[in-house]
Amino acid sequence: MAPNVLPVSRFCFDITEVVRYAKRHERVTGIQRVELNVIRECIRLLGPDGVCGLIREEGGQGVRRVNLGFLADDSAFVASRLLQNTGALNTGIWPDKLILRK
């Protein structure tokens, strides 16, 4: 192993902004697509247990950890699948804009 390389067993990604974007749009573009591609590549290299996602709770009251292993199987991004698998669907009185549009 090279002297400047540290062994990594787990990467954690803050996917809060991707989740917020997915609540309003069915498809990702730009930086969201790049972030998801990086996550998929890390899952490919480290396995599904080597990558986790962090989502900041609304109001800044905490952070929730989610498993991102499901992204390894996704060939195309589907916002509702991301929201469902991360437990980010809004179940209150006002549903997410994505659900309203459908």
C-alpha atoms as a PDB file:
ATOM      1  CA  MET A   1       0.000   0.000   0.000  1.00  0.00           C
ATOM      2  CA  ALA A   2       1.265   3.493  -0.827  1.00  0.00           C
ATOM      3  CA  PRO A   3       2.290   5.566   2.225  1.00  0.00           C
ATOM      4  CA  ASN A   4      -0.329   8.278   1.548  1.00  0.00           C
ATOM      5  CA  VAL A   5      -3.255   5.888   1.150  1.00  0.00           C
ATOM      6  CA  LEU A   6      -5.498   5.100   4.100  1.00  0.00           C
ATOM      7  CA  PRO A   7      -7.669   1.989   4.086  1.00  0.00           C
ATOM      8  CA  VAL A   8     -11.345   2.953   3.993  1.00  0.00           C
ATOM      9  CA  SER A   9     -14.070   0.670   5.246  1.00  0.00           C
ATOM     10  CA  ARG A  10     -17.058   3.023   4.932  1.00  0.00           C
ATOM     11  CA  PHE A  11     -18.033   6.233   3.154  1.00  0.00           C
ATOM     12  CA  CYS A  12     -20.932   8.358   4.372  1.00  0.00           C
ATOM     13  CA  PHE A  13     -22.598  10.824   2.013  1.00  0.00           C
ATOM     14  CA  ASP A  14     -24.879  13.693   2.955  1.00  0.00           C
ATOM     15  CA  ILE A  15     -27.738  13.144   0.505  1.00  0.00           C
ATOM     16  CA  THR A  16     -30.069  15.758   1.982  1.00  0.00           C
ATOM     17  CA  GLU A  17     -29.996  17.977  -1.104  1.00  0.00           C
ATOM     18  CA  VAL A  18     -30.533  15.030  -3.457  1.00  0.00           C
ATOM     19  CA  VAL A  19     -33.590  14.024  -1.415  1.00  0.00           C
ATOM     20  CA  ARG A  20     -34.937  17.585  -1.446  1.00  0.00           C
ATOM     21  CA  TYR A  21     -34.444  17.758  -5.207  1.00  0.00           C
ATOM     22  CA  ALA A  22     -36.137  14.369  -5.655  1.00  0.00           C
ATOM     23  CA  LYS A  23     -39.186  15.622  -3.764  1.00  0.00           C
ATOM     24  CA  ARG A  24     -39.782  18.143  -6.561  1.00  0.00           C
ATOM     25  CA  HIS A  25     -38.390  16.465  -9.693  1.00  0.00           C
ATOM     26  CA  GLU A  26     -38.726  12.962 -11.114  1.00  0.00           C
ATOM     27  CA  ARG A  27     -35.296  13.010 -12.813  1.00  0.00           C
ATOM     28  CA  VAL A  28     -31.933  14.259 -11.576  1.00  0.00           C
ATOM     29  CA  THR A  29     -29.580  16.516 -13.494  1.00  0.00           C
ATOM     30  CA  GLY A  30     -26.206  18.084 -12.943  1.00  0.00           C
ATOM     31  CA  ILE A  31     -24.657  17.741  -9.515  1.00  0.00           C
ATOM     32  CA  GLN A  32     -27.323  15.332  -8.237  1.00  0.00           C
ATOM     33  CA  ARG A  33     -26.528  12.907 -11.048  1.00  0.00           C
ATOM     34  CA  VAL A  34     -22.800  13.217 -10.372  1.00  0.00           C
ATOM     35  CA  GLU A  35     -23.289  12.576  -6.648  1.00  0.00           C
ATOM     36  CA  LEU A  36     -25.406   9.478  -7.302  1.00  0.00           C
ATOM     37  CA  ASN A  37     -22.830   8.171  -9.801  1.00  0.00           C
ATOM     38  CA  VAL A  38     -20.054   8.617  -7.218  1.00  0.00           C
ATOM     39  CA  ILE A  39     -22.168   6.787  -4.619  1.00  0.00           C
ATOM     40  CA  ARG A  40     -22.861   3.922  -7.072  1.00  0.00           C
ATOM     41  CA  GLU A  41     -19.142   3.602  -7.832  1.00  0.00           C
ATOM     42  CA  CYS A  42     -18.307   3.514  -4.117  1.00  0.00           C
ATOM     43  CA  ILE A  43     -20.945   0.802  -3.612  1.00  0.00           C
ATOM     44  CA  ARG A  44     -19.380  -1.153  -6.467  1.00  0.00           C
ATOM     45  CA  LEU A  45     -15.921  -0.871  -4.869  1.00  0.00           C
ATOM     46  CA  LEU A  46     -16.807  -1.259  -1.174  1.00  0.00           C
ATOM     47  CA  GLY A  47     -20.046  -3.225  -1.333  1.00  0.00           C
ATOM     48  CA  PRO A  48     -23.473  -2.126  -0.078  1.00  0.00           C
ATOM     49  CA  ASP A  49     -22.367  -2.133   3.571  1.00  0.00           C
ATOM     50  CA  GLY A  50     -19.426   0.154   2.773  1.00  0.00           C
ATOM     51  CA  VAL A  51     -21.610   3.155   1.928  1.00  0.00           C
ATOM     52  CA  CYS A  52     -24.241   4.945   3.965  1.00  0.00           C
ATOM     53  CA  GLY A  53     -26.299   8.068   3.490  1.00  0.00           C
ATOM     54  CA  LEU A  54     -27.005  10.851   5.932  1.00  0.00           C
ATOM     55  CA  ILE A  55     -30.148  12.983   5.725  1.00  0.00           C
ATOM     56  CA  ARG A  56     -30.567  16.100   7.831  1.00  0.00           C
ATOM     57  CA  GLU A  57     -33.976  16.185   9.447  1.00  0.00           C
ATOM     58  CA  GLU A  58     -36.280  19.083   8.622  1.00  0.00           C
ATOM     59  CA  GLY A  59     -35.713  21.926  11.047  1.00  0.00           C
ATOM     60  CA  GLY A  60     -32.135  20.856  11.716  1.00  0.00           C
ATOM     61  CA  GLN A  61     -33.058  18.673  14.687  1.00  0.00           C
ATOM     62  CA  GLY A  62     -30.775  15.790  13.800  1.00  0.00           C
ATOM     63  CA  VAL A  63     -29.372  13.498  11.161  1.00  0.00           C
ATOM     64  CA  ARG A  64     -30.803  10.184  10.036  1.00  0.00           C
ATOM     65  CA  ARG A  65     -28.612   7.424   8.634  1.00  0.00           C
ATOM     66  CA  VAL A  66     -29.919   5.391   5.673  1.00  0.00           C
ATOM     67  CA  ASN A  67     -28.655   2.395   3.756  1.00  0.00           C
ATOM     68  CA  LEU A  68     -27.832   3.255   0.136  1.00  0.00           C
ATOM     69  CA  GLY A  69     -27.181  -0.293  -1.055  1.00  0.00           C
ATOM     70  CA  PHE A  70     -30.355  -0.179  -3.166  1.00  0.00           C
ATOM     71  CA  LEU A  71     -28.625   2.298  -5.514  1.00  0.00           C
ATOM     72  CA  ALA A  72     -26.315  -0.457  -6.775  1.00  0.00           C
ATOM     73  CA  ASP A  73     -29.245  -2.092  -8.583  1.00  0.00           C
ATOM     74  CA  ASP A  74     -30.719   1.086 -10.034  1.00  0.00           C
ATOM     75  CA  SER A  75     -29.819   1.691 -13.643  1.00  0.00           C
ATOM     76  CA  ALA A  76     -32.060   4.733 -14.030  1.00  0.00           C
ATOM     77  CA  PHE A  77     -32.930   7.213 -11.329  1.00  0.00           C
ATOM     78  CA  VAL A  78     -36.542   7.234 -10.167  1.00  0.00           C
ATOM     79  CA  ALA A  79     -37.262   9.887  -7.552  1.00  0.00           C
ATOM     80  CA  SER A  80     -40.142   8.065  -5.882  1.00  0.00           C
ATOM     81  CA  ARG A  81     -37.963   4.953  -5.434  1.00  0.00           C
ATOM     82  CA  LEU A  82     -35.200   7.016  -3.809  1.00  0.00           C
ATOM     83  CA  LEU A  83     -37.706   8.690  -1.486  1.00  0.00           C
ATOM     84  CA  GLN A  84     -39.315   5.389  -0.567  1.00  0.00           C
ATOM     85  CA  ASN A  85     -36.033   3.569   0.078  1.00  0.00           C
ATOM     86  CA  THR A  86     -34.658   6.389   2.219  1.00  0.00           C
ATOM     87  CA  GLY A  87     -37.894   6.848   4.176  1.00  0.00           C
ATOM     88  CA  ALA A  88     -38.092  10.442   2.967  1.00  0.00           C
ATOM     89  CA  LEU A  89     -41.643  10.493   1.640  1.00  0.00           C
ATOM     90  CA  ASN A  90     -43.678  13.149   3.400  1.00  0.00           C
ATOM     91  CA  THR A  91     -46.579  11.445   5.106  1.00  0.00           C
ATOM     92  CA  GLY A  92     -48.138  14.555   6.641  1.00  0.00           C
ATOM     93  CA  ILE A  93     -51.111  16.600   5.561  1.00  0.00           C
ATOM     94  CA  TRP A  94     -49.164  18.208   2.694  1.00  0.00           C
ATOM     95  CA  PRO A  95     -47.624  15.552   0.430  1.00  0.00           C
ATOM     96  CA  ASP A  96     -44.438  16.133  -1.525  1.00  0.00           C
ATOM     97  CA  LYS A  97     -44.791  18.111  -4.766  1.00  0.00           C
ATOM     98  CA  LEU A  98     -43.667  15.079  -6.750  1.00  0.00           C
ATOM     99  CA  ILE A  99     -46.615  13.056  -5.438  1.00  0.00           C
ATOM    100  CA  LEU A 100     -49.044  15.916  -6.107  1.00  0.00           C
ATOM    101  CA  ARG A 101     -47.902  16.177  -9.726  1.00  0.00           C
ATOM    102  CA  LYS A 102     -48.550  12.490 -10.293  1.00  0.00           C
END
